[in-house]
Amino acid sequence: GAKDWTIIKKVSRQVELDWVMFANSLTIMNHPPELLSFIKELSEKGIMIINSAVFHGGFLTGSEYYDYKRITPESEPLKFQWRDTFFALCKEYHISPSLACINFGLNHPGVASISLNTSNPDRVKENVESVFAEVSKKFYAEMVRKGLIDKEYPYLDI
């Protein structure tokens, strides 16, 4: 596993892998086409993919830490703007930000599992339930319309 998915790509060219874990890579906020293609490639080879750190170190659930580094609205205004819009849509559609992150994190057909962790024991039950919960297609359509999800992301049935 690695936080930088390109490291996994380099390793996969030299070592036969059974499984990989991507952290902070495939998220509702960040889902580059190159990564999507690589996940598809791994999946077609039968390599199990675990998606991890889908909250960007807690940022997408309200923390001031993005990928484990403290940020501020002054240092990263676009990230905070993205999150504000995301939170507003979650509120409008009556879903928690964590549910949206988990659901999207499992959305790619190549992802076999998700690894969740929390510093708050009260969130464990919610996280487990979120793995099995549905998210409205209308929510995802609005995320795309507002530019929060890449309009070319191929795995949303909207």
N, C-alpha and C. Protein backbone atom coordinates (compact mmCIF):
# COMPACT_ATOMS: atom_id res chain seq x y z
N GLY A 1 0.81 -1.19 0.00
CA GLY A 1 0.00 0.00 0.00
C GLY A 1 0.86 1.25 0.00
N ALA A 2 0.28 2.33 -0.52
CA ALA A 2 1.01 3.60 -0.57
C ALA A 2 0.02 4.76 -0.68
N LYS A 3 0.46 5.92 -0.22
CA LYS A 3 -0.33 7.14 -0.36
C LYS A 3 -0.21 7.71 -1.77
N ASP A 4 0.90 7.41 -2.43
CA ASP A 4 1.13 7.85 -3.80
C ASP A 4 0.93 6.65 -4.72
N TRP A 5 -0.18 6.64 -5.44
CA TRP A 5 -0.52 5.47 -6.26
C TRP A 5 0.51 5.20 -7.35
N THR A 6 1.27 6.22 -7.77
CA THR A 6 2.26 5.99 -8.82
C THR A 6 3.39 5.09 -8.33
N ILE A 7 3.63 5.07 -7.03
CA ILE A 7 4.62 4.15 -6.45
C ILE A 7 4.15 2.72 -6.65
N ILE A 8 2.87 2.48 -6.39
CA ILE A 8 2.31 1.14 -6.59
C ILE A 8 2.43 0.74 -8.06
N LYS A 9 2.20 1.69 -8.94
CA LYS A 9 2.32 1.39 -10.38
C LYS A 9 3.75 0.95 -10.71
N LYS A 10 4.74 1.67 -10.19
CA LYS A 10 6.14 1.30 -10.44
C LYS A 10 6.45 -0.08 -9.88
N VAL A 11 6.01 -0.34 -8.66
CA VAL A 11 6.25 -1.65 -8.04
C VAL A 11 5.59 -2.76 -8.83
N SER A 12 4.38 -2.50 -9.32
CA SER A 12 3.63 -3.54 -10.04
C SER A 12 4.31 -3.94 -11.35
N ARG A 13 5.18 -3.10 -11.87
CA ARG A 13 5.90 -3.42 -13.10
C ARG A 13 7.09 -4.35 -12.83
N GLN A 14 7.44 -4.49 -11.54
CA GLN A 14 8.61 -5.29 -11.20
C GLN A 14 8.30 -6.47 -10.29
N VAL A 15 7.15 -6.45 -9.64
CA VAL A 15 6.79 -7.49 -8.68
C VAL A 15 5.38 -7.97 -8.97
N GLU A 16 5.18 -9.27 -8.89
CA GLU A 16 3.83 -9.81 -9.05
C GLU A 16 3.06 -9.59 -7.74
N LEU A 17 1.97 -8.88 -7.83
CA LEU A 17 1.21 -8.51 -6.64
C LEU A 17 -0.07 -9.33 -6.52
N ASP A 18 -0.48 -9.61 -5.28
CA ASP A 18 -1.76 -10.26 -5.01
C ASP A 18 -2.84 -9.21 -4.73
N TRP A 19 -2.44 -8.15 -4.04
CA TRP A 19 -3.36 -7.09 -3.68
C TRP A 19 -2.58 -5.79 -3.51
N VAL A 20 -3.30 -4.69 -3.58
CA VAL A 20 -2.72 -3.37 -3.34
C VAL A 20 -3.70 -2.54 -2.52
N MET A 21 -3.15 -1.55 -1.82
CA MET A 21 -4.00 -0.63 -1.08
C MET A 21 -3.59 0.80 -1.45
N PHE A 22 -4.57 1.53 -1.98
CA PHE A 22 -4.36 2.94 -2.32
C PHE A 22 -4.88 3.79 -1.18
N ALA A 23 -4.08 4.75 -0.73
CA ALA A 23 -4.51 5.68 0.32
C ALA A 23 -4.52 7.10 -0.23
N ASN A 24 -5.58 7.83 0.07
CA ASN A 24 -5.72 9.23 -0.36
C ASN A 24 -5.67 9.38 -1.88
N SER A 25 -6.02 8.35 -2.61
CA SER A 25 -5.86 8.38 -4.06
C SER A 25 -7.18 8.39 -4.80
N LEU A 26 -8.04 7.41 -4.53
CA LEU A 26 -9.33 7.31 -5.20
C LEU A 26 -10.40 7.76 -4.21
N THR A 27 -10.78 9.03 -4.33
CA THR A 27 -11.76 9.60 -3.40
C THR A 27 -12.80 10.38 -4.19
N ILE A 28 -13.86 10.74 -3.51
CA ILE A 28 -14.89 11.56 -4.14
C ILE A 28 -14.31 12.91 -4.58
N MET A 29 -13.25 13.35 -3.93
CA MET A 29 -12.62 14.63 -4.27
C MET A 29 -11.51 14.47 -5.32
N ASN A 30 -10.90 13.31 -5.36
CA ASN A 30 -9.73 13.10 -6.21
C ASN A 30 -9.83 11.73 -6.88
N HIS A 31 -9.98 11.72 -8.20
CA HIS A 31 -10.13 10.47 -8.94
C HIS A 31 -9.59 10.64 -10.36
N PRO A 32 -8.27 10.80 -10.46
CA PRO A 32 -7.67 11.08 -11.77
C PRO A 32 -7.86 9.92 -12.75
N PRO A 33 -8.08 10.25 -14.02
CA PRO A 33 -8.30 9.21 -15.04
C PRO A 33 -7.17 8.19 -15.12
N GLU A 34 -5.93 8.63 -14.91
CA GLU A 34 -4.80 7.70 -14.97
C GLU A 34 -4.91 6.64 -13.88
N LEU A 35 -5.35 7.04 -12.70
CA LEU A 35 -5.54 6.09 -11.61
C LEU A 35 -6.68 5.13 -11.93
N LEU A 36 -7.76 5.64 -12.47
CA LEU A 36 -8.90 4.79 -12.83
C LEU A 36 -8.47 3.72 -13.82
N SER A 37 -7.67 4.09 -14.80
CA SER A 37 -7.18 3.13 -15.78
C SER A 37 -6.27 2.09 -15.13
N PHE A 38 -5.41 2.54 -14.22
CA PHE A 38 -4.51 1.62 -13.54
C PHE A 38 -5.28 0.63 -12.67
N ILE A 39 -6.30 1.10 -11.98
CA ILE A 39 -7.13 0.21 -11.17
C ILE A 39 -7.80 -0.83 -12.06
N LYS A 40 -8.30 -0.40 -13.19
CA LYS A 40 -8.92 -1.34 -14.13
C LYS A 40 -7.91 -2.38 -14.59
N GLU A 41 -6.71 -1.94 -14.91
CA GLU A 41 -5.63 -2.85 -15.34
C GLU A 41 -5.33 -3.88 -14.25
N LEU A 42 -5.18 -3.42 -13.02
CA LEU A 42 -4.90 -4.34 -11.91
C LEU A 42 -6.05 -5.34 -11.73
N SER A 43 -7.25 -4.83 -11.76
CA SER A 43 -8.42 -5.68 -11.57
C SER A 43 -8.50 -6.76 -12.65
N GLU A 44 -8.20 -6.39 -13.88
CA GLU A 44 -8.24 -7.36 -14.98
C GLU A 44 -7.18 -8.44 -14.82
N LYS A 45 -6.12 -8.16 -14.06
CA LYS A 45 -5.08 -9.15 -13.76
C LYS A 45 -5.43 -9.97 -12.52
N GLY A 46 -6.57 -9.69 -11.92
CA GLY A 46 -6.99 -10.42 -10.73
C GLY A 46 -6.35 -9.93 -9.44
N ILE A 47 -5.80 -8.74 -9.46
CA ILE A 47 -5.17 -8.16 -8.27
C ILE A 47 -6.24 -7.42 -7.46
N MET A 48 -6.40 -7.83 -6.21
CA MET A 48 -7.41 -7.23 -5.35
C MET A 48 -7.00 -5.81 -4.95
N ILE A 49 -7.96 -4.91 -4.99
CA ILE A 49 -7.69 -3.51 -4.67
C ILE A 49 -8.47 -3.11 -3.43
N ILE A 50 -7.74 -2.55 -2.47
CA ILE A 50 -8.34 -2.01 -1.25
C ILE A 50 -8.19 -0.49 -1.33
N ASN A 51 -9.28 0.20 -1.14
CA ASN A 51 -9.27 1.66 -1.16
C ASN A 51 -9.24 2.15 0.29
N SER A 52 -8.31 3.02 0.59
CA SER A 52 -8.10 3.47 1.97
C SER A 52 -8.01 5.00 2.01
N ALA A 53 -8.25 5.54 3.17
CA ALA A 53 -8.12 6.99 3.41
C ALA A 53 -9.03 7.79 2.48
N VAL A 54 -10.27 7.35 2.37
CA VAL A 54 -11.23 8.00 1.47
C VAL A 54 -11.75 9.34 2.01
N PHE A 55 -11.36 9.69 3.23
CA PHE A 55 -11.77 10.97 3.82
C PHE A 55 -10.65 12.02 3.71
N HIS A 56 -9.58 11.70 3.01
CA HIS A 56 -8.41 12.59 2.91
C HIS A 56 -7.93 13.00 4.30
N GLY A 57 -7.69 12.00 5.13
CA GLY A 57 -7.17 12.28 6.46
C GLY A 57 -8.15 12.98 7.38
N GLY A 58 -9.44 12.87 7.06
CA GLY A 58 -10.48 13.49 7.88
C GLY A 58 -11.00 14.80 7.32
N PHE A 59 -10.33 15.36 6.33
CA PHE A 59 -10.74 16.66 5.79
C PHE A 59 -12.17 16.62 5.27
N LEU A 60 -12.55 15.54 4.60
CA LEU A 60 -13.89 15.48 4.00
C LEU A 60 -14.99 15.20 5.02
N THR A 61 -14.60 15.01 6.27
CA THR A 61 -15.60 14.87 7.33
C THR A 61 -15.49 16.01 8.35
N GLY A 62 -14.70 17.05 8.02
CA GLY A 62 -14.68 18.24 8.86
C GLY A 62 -13.36 18.59 9.52
N SER A 63 -12.35 17.76 9.39
CA SER A 63 -11.06 18.03 10.02
C SER A 63 -10.31 19.15 9.29
N GLU A 64 -9.35 19.73 9.97
CA GLU A 64 -8.47 20.72 9.36
C GLU A 64 -7.26 20.06 8.70
N TYR A 65 -7.21 18.74 8.74
CA TYR A 65 -6.09 18.00 8.16
C TYR A 65 -6.49 17.41 6.82
N TYR A 66 -5.67 17.65 5.82
CA TYR A 66 -5.87 17.09 4.48
C TYR A 66 -4.67 16.20 4.20
N ASP A 67 -4.94 14.93 3.99
CA ASP A 67 -3.86 13.95 3.79
C ASP A 67 -2.81 14.06 4.89
N TYR A 68 -3.31 14.24 6.12
CA TYR A 68 -2.52 14.23 7.34
C TYR A 68 -1.64 15.47 7.54
N LYS A 69 -1.90 16.52 6.77
CA LYS A 69 -1.20 17.79 6.96
C LYS A 69 -2.24 18.86 7.26
N ARG A 70 -1.97 19.68 8.28
CA ARG A 70 -2.91 20.74 8.64
C ARG A 70 -2.92 21.80 7.55
N ILE A 71 -4.14 22.18 7.13
CA ILE A 71 -4.29 23.24 6.14
C ILE A 71 -5.30 24.26 6.67
N THR A 72 -5.30 25.43 6.07
CA THR A 72 -6.23 26.49 6.46
C THR A 72 -6.93 27.02 5.21
N PRO A 73 -8.03 27.73 5.40
CA PRO A 73 -8.69 28.35 4.24
C PRO A 73 -7.77 29.33 3.51
N GLU A 74 -6.82 29.90 4.23
CA GLU A 74 -5.87 30.82 3.60
C GLU A 74 -4.83 30.07 2.78
N SER A 75 -4.38 28.93 3.28
CA SER A 75 -3.33 28.19 2.57
C SER A 75 -3.88 27.35 1.42
N GLU A 76 -5.12 26.90 1.53
CA GLU A 76 -5.73 26.01 0.52
C GLU A 76 -7.19 26.40 0.28
N PRO A 77 -7.44 27.61 -0.23
CA PRO A 77 -8.83 28.06 -0.37
C PRO A 77 -9.68 27.17 -1.28
N LEU A 78 -9.12 26.63 -2.33
CA LEU A 78 -9.92 25.80 -3.24
C LEU A 78 -10.38 24.50 -2.59
N LYS A 79 -9.55 23.93 -1.75
CA LYS A 79 -9.96 22.71 -1.05
C LYS A 79 -11.12 23.00 -0.10
N PHE A 80 -11.03 24.11 0.62
CA PHE A 80 -12.11 24.47 1.53
C PHE A 80 -13.38 24.84 0.78
N GLN A 81 -13.23 25.51 -0.35
CA GLN A 81 -14.40 25.84 -1.17
C GLN A 81 -15.07 24.56 -1.68
N TRP A 82 -14.26 23.61 -2.15
CA TRP A 82 -14.80 22.33 -2.61
C TRP A 82 -15.58 21.66 -1.48
N ARG A 83 -14.95 21.63 -0.29
CA ARG A 83 -15.59 20.98 0.85
C ARG A 83 -16.88 21.68 1.26
N ASP A 84 -16.90 22.99 1.26
CA ASP A 84 -18.11 23.73 1.62
C ASP A 84 -19.26 23.36 0.68
N THR A 85 -18.98 23.31 -0.61
CA THR A 85 -20.00 22.94 -1.59
C THR A 85 -20.44 21.50 -1.38
N PHE A 86 -19.49 20.62 -1.13
CA PHE A 86 -19.78 19.20 -0.86
C PHE A 86 -20.67 19.06 0.37
N PHE A 87 -20.32 19.74 1.46
CA PHE A 87 -21.13 19.68 2.68
C PHE A 87 -22.55 20.18 2.43
N ALA A 88 -22.67 21.25 1.67
CA ALA A 88 -24.00 21.80 1.37
C ALA A 88 -24.84 20.80 0.58
N LEU A 89 -24.23 20.12 -0.38
CA LEU A 89 -24.97 19.11 -1.15
C LEU A 89 -25.35 17.92 -0.28
N CYS A 90 -24.43 17.50 0.58
CA CYS A 90 -24.75 16.39 1.50
C CYS A 90 -25.95 16.76 2.37
N LYS A 91 -25.95 17.98 2.88
CA LYS A 91 -27.07 18.44 3.71
C LYS A 91 -28.36 18.47 2.90
N GLU A 92 -28.29 18.98 1.68
CA GLU A 92 -29.47 19.07 0.82
C GLU A 92 -30.06 17.69 0.52
N TYR A 93 -29.20 16.70 0.36
CA TYR A 93 -29.66 15.35 0.02
C TYR A 93 -29.78 14.43 1.24
N HIS A 94 -29.58 14.99 2.42
CA HIS A 94 -29.75 14.26 3.69
C HIS A 94 -28.85 13.03 3.78
N ILE A 95 -27.59 13.21 3.40
CA ILE A 95 -26.62 12.13 3.58
C ILE A 95 -25.40 12.70 4.30
N SER A 96 -24.73 11.88 5.03
CA SER A 96 -23.54 12.34 5.73
C SER A 96 -22.37 12.39 4.75
N PRO A 97 -21.44 13.31 4.96
CA PRO A 97 -20.25 13.33 4.12
C PRO A 97 -19.50 12.00 4.14
N SER A 98 -19.45 11.35 5.29
CA SER A 98 -18.74 10.07 5.35
C SER A 98 -19.42 9.02 4.48
N LEU A 99 -20.75 8.99 4.47
CA LEU A 99 -21.46 8.05 3.60
C LEU A 99 -21.11 8.31 2.14
N ALA A 100 -21.12 9.56 1.72
CA ALA A 100 -20.79 9.89 0.33
C ALA A 100 -19.37 9.44 0.00
N CYS A 101 -18.44 9.68 0.90
CA CYS A 101 -17.04 9.29 0.67
C CYS A 101 -16.88 7.78 0.57
N ILE A 102 -17.53 7.06 1.47
CA ILE A 102 -17.43 5.60 1.48
C ILE A 102 -18.08 5.01 0.24
N ASN A 103 -19.27 5.47 -0.08
CA ASN A 103 -19.98 4.95 -1.24
C ASN A 103 -19.18 5.19 -2.51
N PHE A 104 -18.66 6.39 -2.69
CA PHE A 104 -17.86 6.68 -3.87
C PHE A 104 -16.58 5.84 -3.87
N GLY A 105 -15.99 5.68 -2.71
CA GLY A 105 -14.75 4.90 -2.60
C GLY A 105 -14.90 3.45 -3.00
N LEU A 106 -16.11 2.94 -2.92
CA LEU A 106 -16.40 1.56 -3.34
C LEU A 106 -16.97 1.49 -4.75
N ASN A 107 -17.17 2.63 -5.39
CA ASN A 107 -17.89 2.69 -6.65
C ASN A 107 -17.16 2.07 -7.84
N HIS A 108 -15.85 2.23 -7.92
CA HIS A 108 -15.10 1.68 -9.05
C HIS A 108 -15.22 0.16 -9.02
N PRO A 109 -15.58 -0.47 -10.15
CA PRO A 109 -15.77 -1.93 -10.15
C PRO A 109 -14.50 -2.71 -9.82
N GLY A 110 -13.34 -2.10 -9.92
CA GLY A 110 -12.10 -2.79 -9.58
C GLY A 110 -11.80 -2.81 -8.09
N VAL A 111 -12.50 -1.99 -7.31
CA VAL A 111 -12.26 -1.93 -5.87
C VAL A 111 -12.98 -3.08 -5.19
N ALA A 112 -12.21 -3.93 -4.52
CA ALA A 112 -12.78 -5.10 -3.85
C ALA A 112 -13.18 -4.81 -2.41
N SER A 113 -12.50 -3.85 -1.78
CA SER A 113 -12.74 -3.60 -0.37
C SER A 113 -12.34 -2.16 -0.04
N ILE A 114 -12.76 -1.75 1.13
CA ILE A 114 -12.41 -0.42 1.61
C ILE A 114 -11.87 -0.57 3.02
N SER A 115 -10.88 0.24 3.34
CA SER A 115 -10.30 0.24 4.67
C SER A 115 -10.68 1.56 5.33
N LEU A 116 -11.38 1.46 6.44
CA LEU A 116 -11.85 2.66 7.14
C LEU A 116 -11.21 2.72 8.52
N ASN A 117 -10.92 3.92 8.95
CA ASN A 117 -10.45 4.09 10.31
C ASN A 117 -10.97 5.43 10.81
N THR A 118 -11.14 5.50 12.09
CA THR A 118 -11.65 6.72 12.69
C THR A 118 -11.01 6.91 14.06
N SER A 119 -10.87 8.15 14.45
CA SER A 119 -10.38 8.44 15.80
C SER A 119 -11.54 8.53 16.78
N ASN A 120 -12.77 8.40 16.27
CA ASN A 120 -13.97 8.52 17.09
C ASN A 120 -14.71 7.17 17.13
N PRO A 121 -14.67 6.46 18.26
CA PRO A 121 -15.34 5.16 18.34
C PRO A 121 -16.83 5.21 18.02
N ASP A 122 -17.46 6.36 18.23
CA ASP A 122 -18.89 6.48 17.94
C ASP A 122 -19.18 6.40 16.44
N ARG A 123 -18.17 6.56 15.61
CA ARG A 123 -18.37 6.52 14.15
C ARG A 123 -18.23 5.12 13.56
N VAL A 124 -17.78 4.17 14.33
CA VAL A 124 -17.56 2.82 13.79
C VAL A 124 -18.85 2.23 13.23
N LYS A 125 -19.92 2.29 13.99
CA LYS A 125 -21.21 1.74 13.54
C LYS A 125 -21.67 2.44 12.26
N GLU A 126 -21.57 3.76 12.23
CA GLU A 126 -21.97 4.53 11.04
C GLU A 126 -21.13 4.13 9.83
N ASN A 127 -19.83 3.96 10.03
CA ASN A 127 -18.96 3.56 8.91
C ASN A 127 -19.35 2.19 8.36
N VAL A 128 -19.61 1.25 9.25
CA VAL A 128 -20.01 -0.09 8.80
C VAL A 128 -21.33 -0.02 8.04
N GLU A 129 -22.29 0.70 8.57
CA GLU A 129 -23.59 0.83 7.89
C GLU A 129 -23.44 1.53 6.54
N SER A 130 -22.51 2.47 6.45
CA SER A 130 -22.30 3.21 5.20
C SER A 130 -21.81 2.32 4.07
N VAL A 131 -21.11 1.27 4.39
CA VAL A 131 -20.61 0.35 3.36
C VAL A 131 -21.78 -0.25 2.58
N PHE A 132 -22.90 -0.44 3.25
CA PHE A 132 -24.06 -1.10 2.63
C PHE A 132 -25.15 -0.13 2.19
N ALA A 133 -25.00 1.14 2.50
CA ALA A 133 -26.04 2.13 2.19
C ALA A 133 -25.95 2.59 0.74
N GLU A 134 -27.07 3.06 0.24
CA GLU A 134 -27.15 3.59 -1.12
C GLU A 134 -27.05 5.12 -1.09
N VAL A 135 -26.55 5.68 -2.17
CA VAL A 135 -26.51 7.13 -2.34
C VAL A 135 -27.31 7.46 -3.59
N SER A 136 -28.13 8.47 -3.50
CA SER A 136 -29.00 8.88 -4.59
C SER A 136 -28.23 9.22 -5.86
N LYS A 137 -28.75 8.76 -6.99
CA LYS A 137 -28.17 9.13 -8.29
C LYS A 137 -28.27 10.63 -8.50
N LYS A 138 -29.32 11.24 -7.95
CA LYS A 138 -29.49 12.69 -8.08
C LYS A 138 -28.37 13.44 -7.36
N PHE A 139 -27.93 12.90 -6.22
CA PHE A 139 -26.81 13.51 -5.50
C PHE A 139 -25.57 13.50 -6.38
N TYR A 140 -25.27 12.34 -6.95
CA TYR A 140 -24.08 12.25 -7.80
C TYR A 140 -24.22 13.13 -9.04
N ALA A 141 -25.39 13.18 -9.62
CA ALA A 141 -25.60 14.04 -10.80
C ALA A 141 -25.33 15.50 -10.44
N GLU A 142 -25.77 15.90 -9.26
CA GLU A 142 -25.54 17.29 -8.83
C GLU A 142 -24.05 17.52 -8.52
N MET A 143 -23.37 16.52 -7.98
CA MET A 143 -21.92 16.63 -7.75
C MET A 143 -21.20 16.86 -9.08
N VAL A 144 -21.61 16.13 -10.10
CA VAL A 144 -21.01 16.30 -11.43
C VAL A 144 -21.36 17.68 -11.98
N ARG A 145 -22.63 18.05 -11.88
CA ARG A 145 -23.08 19.34 -12.41
C ARG A 145 -22.31 20.51 -11.78
N LYS A 146 -22.01 20.40 -10.50
CA LYS A 146 -21.30 21.47 -9.80
C LYS A 146 -19.78 21.37 -9.96
N GLY A 147 -19.32 20.37 -10.69
CA GLY A 147 -17.89 20.23 -10.94
C GLY A 147 -17.11 19.59 -9.81
N LEU A 148 -17.81 18.97 -8.86
CA LEU A 148 -17.13 18.33 -7.74
C LEU A 148 -16.64 16.92 -8.10
N ILE A 149 -17.31 16.28 -9.02
CA ILE A 149 -16.88 15.00 -9.57
C ILE A 149 -16.64 15.22 -11.05
N ASP A 150 -15.54 14.69 -11.54
CA ASP A 150 -15.19 14.82 -12.96
C ASP A 150 -16.31 14.28 -13.83
N LYS A 151 -16.75 15.08 -14.78
CA LYS A 151 -17.86 14.67 -15.65
C LYS A 151 -17.50 13.45 -16.49
N GLU A 152 -16.22 13.15 -16.62
CA GLU A 152 -15.77 11.97 -17.38
C GLU A 152 -15.67 10.72 -16.50
N TYR A 153 -15.93 10.83 -15.21
CA TYR A 153 -15.85 9.66 -14.33
C TYR A 153 -16.86 8.62 -14.84
N PRO A 154 -16.38 7.43 -15.23
CA PRO A 154 -17.24 6.50 -15.97
C PRO A 154 -18.11 5.55 -15.14
N TYR A 155 -18.00 5.58 -13.83
CA TYR A 155 -18.65 4.53 -13.04
C TYR A 155 -19.88 4.97 -12.27
N LEU A 156 -20.40 6.13 -12.57
CA LEU A 156 -21.65 6.57 -11.94
C LEU A 156 -22.79 6.32 -12.91
N ASP A 157 -23.80 5.65 -12.45
CA ASP A 157 -24.97 5.36 -13.29
C ASP A 157 -25.98 6.48 -13.09
N ILE A 158 -25.71 7.64 -13.72
CA ILE A 158 -26.60 8.79 -13.55
C ILE A 158 -27.15 9.25 -14.89
